[in-house]
PDB file of all heavy atoms in Angstrom:
ATOM      1  N   THR A   1       0.861  -1.210   0.046  1.00  0.00           N
ATOM      2  CA  THR A   1       0.013  -0.026  -0.006  1.00  0.00           C
ATOM      3  C   THR A   1       0.897   1.216   0.004  1.00  0.00           C
ATOM      4  O   THR A   1       1.630   1.478   0.967  1.00  0.00           O
ATOM      5  CB  THR A   1      -0.969  -0.020   1.234  1.00  0.00           C
ATOM      6  OG1 THR A   1      -1.667  -1.223   1.335  1.00  0.00           O
ATOM      7  CG2 THR A   1      -1.877   1.156   1.228  1.00  0.00           C
ATOM      8  N   PRO A   2       0.853   2.036  -1.072  1.00  0.00           N
ATOM      9  CA  PRO A   2       1.812   3.132  -1.177  1.00  0.00           C
ATOM     10  C   PRO A   2       1.536   4.252  -0.254  1.00  0.00           C
ATOM     11  O   PRO A   2       0.349   4.603   0.088  1.00  0.00           O
ATOM     12  CB  PRO A   2       1.607   3.618  -2.635  1.00  0.00           C
ATOM     13  CG  PRO A   2       0.634   2.718  -3.307  1.00  0.00           C
ATOM     14  CD  PRO A   2       0.096   1.852  -2.257  1.00  0.00           C
ATOM     15  N   SER A   3       2.597   4.887   0.234  1.00  0.00           N
ATOM     16  CA  SER A   3       2.484   6.062   1.131  1.00  0.00           C
ATOM     17  C   SER A   3       2.082   7.260   0.271  1.00  0.00           C
ATOM     18  O   SER A   3       2.184   7.190  -0.992  1.00  0.00           O
ATOM     19  CB  SER A   3       3.803   6.309   1.819  1.00  0.00           C
ATOM     20  OG  SER A   3       4.776   6.668   0.884  1.00  0.00           O
ATOM     21  N   THR A   4       1.731   8.309   0.826  1.00  0.00           N
ATOM     22  CA  THR A   4       1.436   9.514   0.182  1.00  0.00           C
ATOM     23  C   THR A   4       2.598   9.952  -0.725  1.00  0.00           C
ATOM     24  O   THR A   4       2.540  10.321  -1.827  1.00  0.00           O
ATOM     25  CB  THR A   4       1.044  10.717   1.141  1.00  0.00           C
ATOM     26  OG1 THR A   4      -0.048  10.228   1.845  1.00  0.00           O
ATOM     27  CG2 THR A   4       0.872  11.986   0.464  1.00  0.00           C
ATOM     28  N   GLU A   5       3.832   9.903  -0.060  1.00  0.00           N
ATOM     29  CA  GLU A   5       5.027  10.338  -0.825  1.00  0.00           C
ATOM     30  C   GLU A   5       5.270   9.452  -2.050  1.00  0.00           C
ATOM     31  O   GLU A   5       5.635   9.942  -3.114  1.00  0.00           O
ATOM     32  CB  GLU A   5       6.248  10.316   0.062  1.00  0.00           C
ATOM     33  CG  GLU A   5       7.545  10.802  -0.589  1.00  0.00           C
ATOM     34  CD  GLU A   5       8.670  10.994   0.316  1.00  0.00           C
ATOM     35  OE1 GLU A   5       8.468  11.668   1.311  1.00  0.00           O
ATOM     36  OE2 GLU A   5       9.735  10.449   0.070  1.00  0.00           O
ATOM     37  N   CYS A   6       5.035   8.146  -1.944  1.00  0.00           N
ATOM     38  CA  CYS A   6       5.236   7.270  -3.096  1.00  0.00           C
ATOM     39  C   CYS A   6       4.150   7.624  -4.171  1.00  0.00           C
ATOM     40  O   CYS A   6       4.505   7.676  -5.355  1.00  0.00           O
ATOM     41  CB  CYS A   6       5.032   5.835  -2.635  1.00  0.00           C
ATOM     42  SG  CYS A   6       5.170   4.640  -4.003  1.00  0.00           S
ATOM     43  N   THR A   7       2.893   7.799  -3.799  1.00  0.00           N
ATOM     44  CA  THR A   7       1.893   8.178  -4.741  1.00  0.00           C
ATOM     45  C   THR A   7       2.139   9.443  -5.419  1.00  0.00           C
ATOM     46  O   THR A   7       1.971   9.692  -6.615  1.00  0.00           O
ATOM     47  CB  THR A   7       0.499   8.154  -4.098  1.00  0.00           C
ATOM     48  OG1 THR A   7       0.313   6.932  -3.457  1.00  0.00           O
ATOM     49  CG2 THR A   7      -0.608   8.324  -5.124  1.00  0.00           C
ATOM     50  N   VAL A   8       2.673  10.499  -4.652  1.00  0.00           N
ATOM     51  CA  VAL A   8       3.015  11.782  -5.239  1.00  0.00           C
ATOM     52  C   VAL A   8       4.187  11.627  -6.186  1.00  0.00           C
ATOM     53  O   VAL A   8       4.280  12.260  -7.221  1.00  0.00           O
ATOM     54  CB  VAL A   8       3.274  12.815  -4.195  1.00  0.00           C
ATOM     55  CG1 VAL A   8       3.810  14.059  -4.779  1.00  0.00           C
ATOM     56  CG2 VAL A   8       2.005  13.193  -3.438  1.00  0.00           C
ATOM     57  N   PHE A   9       5.119  10.643  -5.825  1.00  0.00           N
ATOM     58  CA  PHE A   9       6.221  10.340  -6.780  1.00  0.00           C
ATOM     59  C   PHE A   9       5.663   9.900  -8.087  1.00  0.00           C
ATOM     60  O   PHE A   9       6.104  10.268  -9.160  1.00  0.00           O
ATOM     61  CB  PHE A   9       7.151   9.360  -6.072  1.00  0.00           C
ATOM     62  CG  PHE A   9       8.299   8.978  -6.870  1.00  0.00           C
ATOM     63  CD1 PHE A   9       9.482   9.759  -6.782  1.00  0.00           C
ATOM     64  CD2 PHE A   9       8.361   7.816  -7.676  1.00  0.00           C
ATOM     65  CE1 PHE A   9      10.606   9.452  -7.554  1.00  0.00           C
ATOM     66  CE2 PHE A   9       9.450   7.546  -8.402  1.00  0.00           C
ATOM     67  CZ  PHE A   9      10.651   8.359  -8.385  1.00  0.00           C
ATOM     68  N   GLN A  10       4.651   9.025  -7.989  1.00  0.00           N
ATOM     69  CA  GLN A  10       4.022   8.511  -9.231  1.00  0.00           C
ATOM     70  C   GLN A  10       3.286   9.670  -9.960  1.00  0.00           C
ATOM     71  O   GLN A  10       3.356   9.735 -11.208  1.00  0.00           O
ATOM     72  CB  GLN A  10       2.954   7.423  -8.911  1.00  0.00           C
ATOM     73  CG  GLN A  10       3.646   6.139  -8.352  1.00  0.00           C
ATOM     74  CD  GLN A  10       2.577   5.127  -7.794  1.00  0.00           C
ATOM     75  OE1 GLN A  10       1.428   5.522  -7.666  1.00  0.00           O
ATOM     76  NE2 GLN A  10       3.018   3.958  -7.546  1.00  0.00           N
ATOM     77  N   LEU A  11       2.698  10.557  -9.176  1.00  0.00           N
ATOM     78  CA  LEU A  11       2.042  11.682  -9.732  1.00  0.00           C
ATOM     79  C   LEU A  11       3.082  12.529 -10.493  1.00  0.00           C
ATOM     80  O   LEU A  11       2.800  13.007 -11.592  1.00  0.00           O
ATOM     81  CB  LEU A  11       1.309  12.523  -8.660  1.00  0.00           C
ATOM     82  CG  LEU A  11       0.707  13.918  -8.986  1.00  0.00           C
ATOM     83  CD1 LEU A  11      -0.269  13.778 -10.079  1.00  0.00           C
ATOM     84  CD2 LEU A  11       0.211  14.525  -7.760  1.00  0.00           C
ATOM     85  N   VAL A  12       4.147  12.875  -9.827  1.00  0.00           N
ATOM     86  CA  VAL A  12       5.179  13.766 -10.507  1.00  0.00           C
ATOM     87  C   VAL A  12       5.708  13.100 -11.682  1.00  0.00           C
ATOM     88  O   VAL A  12       5.938  13.672 -12.732  1.00  0.00           O
ATOM     89  CB  VAL A  12       6.295  13.965  -9.407  1.00  0.00           C
ATOM     90  CG1 VAL A  12       7.523  14.709 -10.198  1.00  0.00           C
ATOM     91  CG2 VAL A  12       5.769  14.902  -8.362  1.00  0.00           C
ATOM     92  N   ASP A  13       5.884  11.736 -11.648  1.00  0.00           N
ATOM     93  CA  ASP A  13       6.384  11.032 -12.792  1.00  0.00           C
ATOM     94  C   ASP A  13       5.369  11.168 -14.001  1.00  0.00           C
ATOM     95  O   ASP A  13       5.780  11.404 -15.150  1.00  0.00           O
ATOM     96  CB  ASP A  13       6.598   9.511 -12.523  1.00  0.00           C
ATOM     97  CG  ASP A  13       7.246   8.766 -13.685  1.00  0.00           C
ATOM     98  OD1 ASP A  13       8.282   9.210 -14.171  1.00  0.00           O
ATOM     99  OD2 ASP A  13       6.614   7.820 -14.111  1.00  0.00           O
ATOM    100  N   ALA A  14       4.083  11.082 -13.633  1.00  0.00           N
ATOM    101  CA  ALA A  14       3.046  11.267 -14.753  1.00  0.00           C
ATOM    102  C   ALA A  14       3.091  12.687 -15.264  1.00  0.00           C
ATOM    103  O   ALA A  14       2.980  12.850 -16.485  1.00  0.00           O
ATOM    104  CB  ALA A  14       1.725  10.898 -14.128  1.00  0.00           C
ATOM    105  N   VAL A  15       3.303  13.692 -14.427  1.00  0.00           N
ATOM    106  CA  VAL A  15       3.403  15.082 -14.832  1.00  0.00           C
ATOM    107  C   VAL A  15       4.574  15.248 -15.720  1.00  0.00           C
ATOM    108  O   VAL A  15       4.496  15.855 -16.836  1.00  0.00           O
ATOM    109  CB  VAL A  15       3.439  16.050 -13.623  1.00  0.00           C
ATOM    110  CG1 VAL A  15       3.662  17.451 -14.121  1.00  0.00           C
ATOM    111  CG2 VAL A  15       2.065  16.035 -12.862  1.00  0.00           C
ATOM    112  N   VAL A  16       5.750  14.800 -15.233  1.00  0.00           N
ATOM    113  CA  VAL A  16       6.954  15.032 -15.934  1.00  0.00           C
ATOM    114  C   VAL A  16       7.002  14.320 -17.272  1.00  0.00           C
ATOM    115  O   VAL A  16       7.551  14.856 -18.337  1.00  0.00           O
ATOM    116  CB  VAL A  16       8.189  14.464 -15.112  1.00  0.00           C
ATOM    117  CG1 VAL A  16       9.476  14.441 -15.897  1.00  0.00           C
ATOM    118  CG2 VAL A  16       8.345  15.385 -13.886  1.00  0.00           C
ATOM    119  N   THR A  17       6.348  13.154 -17.431  1.00  0.00           N
ATOM    120  CA  THR A  17       6.358  12.429 -18.637  1.00  0.00           C
ATOM    121  C   THR A  17       5.168  12.865 -19.576  1.00  0.00           C
ATOM    122  O   THR A  17       4.958  12.248 -20.616  1.00  0.00           O
ATOM    123  CB  THR A  17       6.338  10.918 -18.416  1.00  0.00           C
ATOM    124  OG1 THR A  17       5.276  10.566 -17.619  1.00  0.00           O
ATOM    125  CG2 THR A  17       7.660  10.505 -17.743  1.00  0.00           C
ATOM    126  N   GLY A  18       4.420  13.813 -19.055  1.00  0.00           N
ATOM    127  CA  GLY A  18       3.270  14.325 -19.932  1.00  0.00           C
ATOM    128  C   GLY A  18       2.095  13.428 -20.023  1.00  0.00           C
ATOM    129  O   GLY A  18       1.275  13.601 -20.886  1.00  0.00           O
ATOM    130  N   GLN A  19       1.914  12.575 -18.962  1.00  0.00           N
ATOM    131  CA  GLN A  19       0.713  11.702 -18.921  1.00  0.00           C
ATOM    132  C   GLN A  19      -0.418  12.422 -18.251  1.00  0.00           C
ATOM    133  O   GLN A  19      -0.689  12.104 -17.047  1.00  0.00           O
ATOM    134  CB  GLN A  19       1.030  10.444 -18.183  1.00  0.00           C
ATOM    135  CG  GLN A  19       2.168   9.563 -18.844  1.00  0.00           C
ATOM    136  CD  GLN A  19       2.551   8.372 -18.018  1.00  0.00           C
ATOM    137  OE1 GLN A  19       1.639   7.683 -17.553  1.00  0.00           O
ATOM    138  NE2 GLN A  19       3.787   8.205 -17.818  1.00  0.00           N
ATOM    139  N   LYS A  20      -1.020  13.319 -18.940  1.00  0.00           N
ATOM    140  CA  LYS A  20      -2.008  14.276 -18.324  1.00  0.00           C
ATOM    141  C   LYS A  20      -3.148  13.489 -17.619  1.00  0.00           C
ATOM    142  O   LYS A  20      -3.464  13.752 -16.549  1.00  0.00           O
ATOM    143  CB  LYS A  20      -2.574  15.172 -19.426  1.00  0.00           C
ATOM    144  CG  LYS A  20      -3.427  16.272 -18.870  1.00  0.00           C
ATOM    145  CD  LYS A  20      -3.882  17.235 -19.955  1.00  0.00           C
ATOM    146  CE  LYS A  20      -4.765  18.336 -19.441  1.00  0.00           C
ATOM    147  NZ  LYS A  20      -4.988  19.293 -20.487  1.00  0.00           N
ATOM    148  N   LYS A  21      -3.753  12.554 -18.296  1.00  0.00           N
ATOM    149  CA  LYS A  21      -4.892  11.829 -17.765  1.00  0.00           C
ATOM    150  C   LYS A  21      -4.478  11.078 -16.430  1.00  0.00           C
ATOM    151  O   LYS A  21      -5.202  11.236 -15.479  1.00  0.00           O
ATOM    152  CB  LYS A  21      -5.497  10.802 -18.816  1.00  0.00           C
ATOM    153  CG  LYS A  21      -6.728  10.072 -18.319  1.00  0.00           C
ATOM    154  CD  LYS A  21      -7.217   9.245 -19.428  1.00  0.00           C
ATOM    155  CE  LYS A  21      -8.477   8.568 -18.971  1.00  0.00           C
ATOM    156  NZ  LYS A  21      -9.107   7.608 -20.008  1.00  0.00           N
ATOM    157  N   ARG A  22      -3.419  10.367 -16.503  1.00  0.00           N
ATOM    158  CA  ARG A  22      -2.911   9.588 -15.379  1.00  0.00           C
ATOM    159  C   ARG A  22      -2.592  10.603 -14.141  1.00  0.00           C
ATOM    160  O   ARG A  22      -2.879  10.361 -13.038  1.00  0.00           O
ATOM    161  CB  ARG A  22      -1.670   8.803 -15.647  1.00  0.00           C
ATOM    162  CG  ARG A  22      -1.181   7.987 -14.531  1.00  0.00           C
ATOM    163  CD  ARG A  22      -0.022   6.970 -14.985  1.00  0.00           C
ATOM    164  NE  ARG A  22       0.382   6.248 -13.842  1.00  0.00           N
ATOM    165  CZ  ARG A  22       1.566   6.345 -13.267  1.00  0.00           C
ATOM    166  NH1 ARG A  22       2.419   7.257 -13.690  1.00  0.00           N
ATOM    167  NH2 ARG A  22       1.875   5.638 -12.240  1.00  0.00           N
ATOM    168  N   ALA A  23      -1.923  11.702 -14.453  1.00  0.00           N
ATOM    169  CA  ALA A  23      -1.586  12.695 -13.511  1.00  0.00           C
ATOM    170  C   ALA A  23      -2.839  13.199 -12.823  1.00  0.00           C
ATOM    171  O   ALA A  23      -2.917  13.276 -11.568  1.00  0.00           O
ATOM    172  CB  ALA A  23      -0.757  13.855 -14.095  1.00  0.00           C
ATOM    173  N   LEU A  24      -3.828  13.532 -13.580  1.00  0.00           N
ATOM    174  CA  LEU A  24      -5.088  14.125 -12.984  1.00  0.00           C
ATOM    175  C   LEU A  24      -5.807  13.049 -12.221  1.00  0.00           C
ATOM    176  O   LEU A  24      -6.452  13.433 -11.130  1.00  0.00           O
ATOM    177  CB  LEU A  24      -5.961  14.730 -14.056  1.00  0.00           C
ATOM    178  CG  LEU A  24      -5.362  15.866 -14.912  1.00  0.00           C
ATOM    179  CD1 LEU A  24      -6.232  16.309 -16.045  1.00  0.00           C
ATOM    180  CD2 LEU A  24      -5.054  17.079 -13.927  1.00  0.00           C
ATOM    181  N   ILE A  25      -5.849  11.821 -12.595  1.00  0.00           N
ATOM    182  CA  ILE A  25      -6.484  10.783 -11.758  1.00  0.00           C
ATOM    183  C   ILE A  25      -5.721  10.627 -10.440  1.00  0.00           C
ATOM    184  O   ILE A  25      -6.370  10.498  -9.375  1.00  0.00           O
ATOM    185  CB  ILE A  25      -6.524   9.429 -12.593  1.00  0.00           C
ATOM    186  CG1 ILE A  25      -7.539   9.618 -13.736  1.00  0.00           C
ATOM    187  CG2 ILE A  25      -6.853   8.235 -11.691  1.00  0.00           C
ATOM    188  CD1 ILE A  25      -7.542   8.472 -14.769  1.00  0.00           C
ATOM    189  N   LEU A  26      -4.362  10.496 -10.500  1.00  0.00           N
ATOM    190  CA  LEU A  26      -3.619  10.316  -9.234  1.00  0.00           C
ATOM    191  C   LEU A  26      -3.859  11.548  -8.336  1.00  0.00           C
ATOM    192  O   LEU A  26      -3.968  11.373  -7.134  1.00  0.00           O
ATOM    193  CB  LEU A  26      -2.115  10.158  -9.623  1.00  0.00           C
ATOM    194  CG  LEU A  26      -1.682   8.874 -10.229  1.00  0.00           C
ATOM    195  CD1 LEU A  26      -0.307   8.914 -10.770  1.00  0.00           C
ATOM    196  CD2 LEU A  26      -1.830   7.733  -9.247  1.00  0.00           C
ATOM    197  N   MET A  27      -3.822  12.745  -8.878  1.00  0.00           N
ATOM    198  CA  MET A  27      -4.017  13.953  -8.104  1.00  0.00           C
ATOM    199  C   MET A  27      -5.433  13.848  -7.389  1.00  0.00           C
ATOM    200  O   MET A  27      -5.598  14.114  -6.259  1.00  0.00           O
ATOM    201  CB  MET A  27      -3.953  15.169  -8.927  1.00  0.00           C
ATOM    202  CG  MET A  27      -4.264  16.505  -8.200  1.00  0.00           C
ATOM    203  SD  MET A  27      -4.635  17.845  -9.343  1.00  0.00           S
ATOM    204  CE  MET A  27      -6.096  17.230 -10.130  1.00  0.00           C
ATOM    205  N   LYS A  28      -6.428  13.579  -8.185  1.00  0.00           N
ATOM    206  CA  LYS A  28      -7.865  13.493  -7.666  1.00  0.00           C
ATOM    207  C   LYS A  28      -7.902  12.436  -6.562  1.00  0.00           C
ATOM    208  O   LYS A  28      -8.557  12.698  -5.478  1.00  0.00           O
ATOM    209  CB  LYS A  28      -8.803  13.184  -8.798  1.00  0.00           C
ATOM    210  CG  LYS A  28     -10.235  13.006  -8.343  1.00  0.00           C
ATOM    211  CD  LYS A  28     -11.111  12.615  -9.503  1.00  0.00           C
ATOM    212  CE  LYS A  28     -12.545  12.318  -9.032  1.00  0.00           C
ATOM    213  NZ  LYS A  28     -13.330  11.767 -10.097  1.00  0.00           N
ATOM    214  N   ASN A  29      -7.295  11.292  -6.801  1.00  0.00           N
ATOM    215  CA  ASN A  29      -7.299  10.230  -5.756  1.00  0.00           C
ATOM    216  C   ASN A  29      -6.634  10.698  -4.494  1.00  0.00           C
ATOM    217  O   ASN A  29      -7.118  10.386  -3.386  1.00  0.00           O
ATOM    218  CB  ASN A  29      -6.691   8.954  -6.257  1.00  0.00           C
ATOM    219  CG  ASN A  29      -7.495   8.246  -7.325  1.00  0.00           C
ATOM    220  OD1 ASN A  29      -8.760   8.526  -7.487  1.00  0.00           O
ATOM    221  ND2 ASN A  29      -6.924   7.364  -8.166  1.00  0.00           N
ATOM    222  N   GLN A  30      -5.541  11.455  -4.582  1.00  0.00           N
ATOM    223  CA  GLN A  30      -4.853  11.914  -3.382  1.00  0.00           C
ATOM    224  C   GLN A  30      -5.718  12.899  -2.628  1.00  0.00           C
ATOM    225  O   GLN A  30      -5.800  12.839  -1.476  1.00  0.00           O
ATOM    226  CB  GLN A  30      -3.517  12.534  -3.807  1.00  0.00           C
ATOM    227  CG  GLN A  30      -2.390  11.541  -4.063  1.00  0.00           C
ATOM    228  CD  GLN A  30      -2.130  10.761  -2.764  1.00  0.00           C
ATOM    229  OE1 GLN A  30      -1.671  11.197  -1.807  1.00  0.00           O
ATOM    230  NE2 GLN A  30      -2.405   9.422  -2.861  1.00  0.00           N
ATOM    231  N   LEU A  31      -6.312  13.812  -3.354  1.00  0.00           N
ATOM    232  CA  LEU A  31      -7.196  14.827  -2.691  1.00  0.00           C
ATOM    233  C   LEU A  31      -8.406  14.199  -2.091  1.00  0.00           C
ATOM    234  O   LEU A  31      -8.769  14.541  -0.970  1.00  0.00           O
ATOM    235  CB  LEU A  31      -7.577  15.832  -3.684  1.00  0.00           C
ATOM    236  CG  LEU A  31      -6.478  16.803  -4.235  1.00  0.00           C
ATOM    237  CD1 LEU A  31      -6.987  17.606  -5.398  1.00  0.00           C
ATOM    238  CD2 LEU A  31      -5.902  17.570  -3.130  1.00  0.00           C
ATOM    239  N   LEU A  32      -9.014  13.184  -2.765  1.00  0.00           N
ATOM    240  CA  LEU A  32     -10.172  12.466  -2.180  1.00  0.00           C
ATOM    241  C   LEU A  32      -9.772  11.626  -0.960  1.00  0.00           C
ATOM    242  O   LEU A  32     -10.619  11.430  -0.116  1.00  0.00           O
ATOM    243  CB  LEU A  32     -10.790  11.584  -3.263  1.00  0.00           C
ATOM    244  CG  LEU A  32     -11.584  12.283  -4.386  1.00  0.00           C
ATOM    245  CD1 LEU A  32     -11.989  11.332  -5.435  1.00  0.00           C
ATOM    246  CD2 LEU A  32     -12.745  13.102  -3.776  1.00  0.00           C
ATOM    247  N   SER A  33      -8.517  11.106  -0.913  1.00  0.00           N
ATOM    248  CA  SER A  33      -8.123  10.281   0.210  1.00  0.00           C
ATOM    249  C   SER A  33      -7.738  11.143   1.383  1.00  0.00           C
ATOM    250  O   SER A  33      -7.430  10.701   2.474  1.00  0.00           O
ATOM    251  CB  SER A  33      -6.956   9.367  -0.188  1.00  0.00           C
ATOM    252  OG  SER A  33      -5.835  10.180  -0.360  1.00  0.00           O
ATOM    253  N   GLY A  34      -7.784  12.542   1.203  1.00  0.00           N
ATOM    254  CA  GLY A  34      -7.548  13.426   2.365  1.00  0.00           C
ATOM    255  C   GLY A  34      -6.203  13.987   2.426  1.00  0.00           C
ATOM    256  O   GLY A  34      -5.795  14.684   3.434  1.00  0.00           O
ATOM    257  N   THR A  35      -5.337  13.826   1.400  1.00  0.00           N
ATOM    258  CA  THR A  35      -3.996  14.357   1.380  1.00  0.00           C
ATOM    259  C   THR A  35      -4.202  15.892   1.281  1.00  0.00           C
ATOM    260  O   THR A  35      -4.860  16.398   0.413  1.00  0.00           O
ATOM    261  CB  THR A  35      -3.229  13.783   0.197  1.00  0.00           C
ATOM    262  OG1 THR A  35      -3.141  12.383   0.285  1.00  0.00           O
ATOM    263  CG2 THR A  35      -1.792  14.370   0.205  1.00  0.00           C
ATOM    264  N   GLU A  36      -3.444  16.570   2.169  1.00  0.00           N
ATOM    265  CA  GLU A  36      -3.584  18.055   2.159  1.00  0.00           C
ATOM    266  C   GLU A  36      -2.845  18.557   0.943  1.00  0.00           C
ATOM    267  O   GLU A  36      -1.765  18.196   0.550  1.00  0.00           O
ATOM    268  CB  GLU A  36      -2.864  18.627   3.431  1.00  0.00           C
ATOM    269  CG  GLU A  36      -3.612  18.262   4.695  1.00  0.00           C
ATOM    270  CD  GLU A  36      -4.962  19.121   4.697  1.00  0.00           C
ATOM    271  OE1 GLU A  36      -4.946  20.228   4.301  1.00  0.00           O
ATOM    272  OE2 GLU A  36      -5.919  18.550   5.302  1.00  0.00           O
ATOM    273  N   PRO A  37      -3.504  19.528   0.239  1.00  0.00           N
ATOM    274  CA  PRO A  37      -2.853  20.183  -0.909  1.00  0.00           C
ATOM    275  C   PRO A  37      -1.436  20.734  -0.592  1.00  0.00           C
ATOM    276  O   PRO A  37      -0.570  20.594  -1.400  1.00  0.00           O
ATOM    277  CB  PRO A  37      -3.810  21.224  -1.277  1.00  0.00           C
ATOM    278  CG  PRO A  37      -5.142  20.734  -0.863  1.00  0.00           C
ATOM    279  CD  PRO A  37      -4.851  20.002   0.418  1.00  0.00           C
ATOM    280  N   ALA A  38      -1.302  21.295   0.631  1.00  0.00           N
ATOM    281  CA  ALA A  38      -0.002  21.901   1.006  1.00  0.00           C
ATOM    282  C   ALA A  38       1.058  20.765   1.005  1.00  0.00           C
ATOM    283  O   ALA A  38       2.213  20.978   0.585  1.00  0.00           O
ATOM    284  CB  ALA A  38      -0.078  22.518   2.365  1.00  0.00           C
ATOM    285  N   ALA A  39       0.731  19.625   1.392  1.00  0.00           N
ATOM    286  CA  ALA A  39       1.693  18.479   1.485  1.00  0.00           C
ATOM    287  C   ALA A  39       2.054  18.097   0.095  1.00  0.00           C
ATOM    288  O   ALA A  39       3.269  17.745  -0.267  1.00  0.00           O
ATOM    289  CB  ALA A  39       1.137  17.303   2.187  1.00  0.00           C
ATOM    290  N   MET A  40       1.019  18.011  -0.802  1.00  0.00           N
ATOM    291  CA  MET A  40       1.283  17.659  -2.207  1.00  0.00           C
ATOM    292  C   MET A  40       2.181  18.728  -2.893  1.00  0.00           C
ATOM    293  O   MET A  40       3.123  18.384  -3.638  1.00  0.00           O
ATOM    294  CB  MET A  40      -0.012  17.461  -2.975  1.00  0.00           C
ATOM    295  CG  MET A  40      -0.815  16.254  -2.486  1.00  0.00           C
ATOM    296  SD  MET A  40      -2.398  16.108  -3.281  1.00  0.00           S
ATOM    297  CE  MET A  40      -1.890  15.734  -4.987  1.00  0.00           C
ATOM    298  N   LEU A  41       1.960  19.915  -2.637  1.00  0.00           N
ATOM    299  CA  LEU A  41       2.691  21.056  -3.164  1.00  0.00           C
ATOM    300  C   LEU A  41       4.183  20.941  -2.725  1.00  0.00           C
ATOM    301  O   LEU A  41       5.082  21.125  -3.507  1.00  0.00           O
ATOM    302  CB  LEU A  41       2.150  22.447  -2.845  1.00  0.00           C
ATOM    303  CG  LEU A  41       0.868  22.859  -3.425  1.00  0.00           C
ATOM    304  CD1 LEU A  41       0.281  24.042  -2.877  1.00  0.00           C
ATOM    305  CD2 LEU A  41       1.029  22.962  -5.017  1.00  0.00           C
TER     306      LEU A  41
END
């Protein structure tokens, strides 16, 4: 079960590699799971 940091790492990888759809899904899932936007930033 990935930690927030690991999932954000996957999110950043999706952003960096231009995988817009994947990045937006990962971001939405993090926000829905209660991850604070400040922590993600």
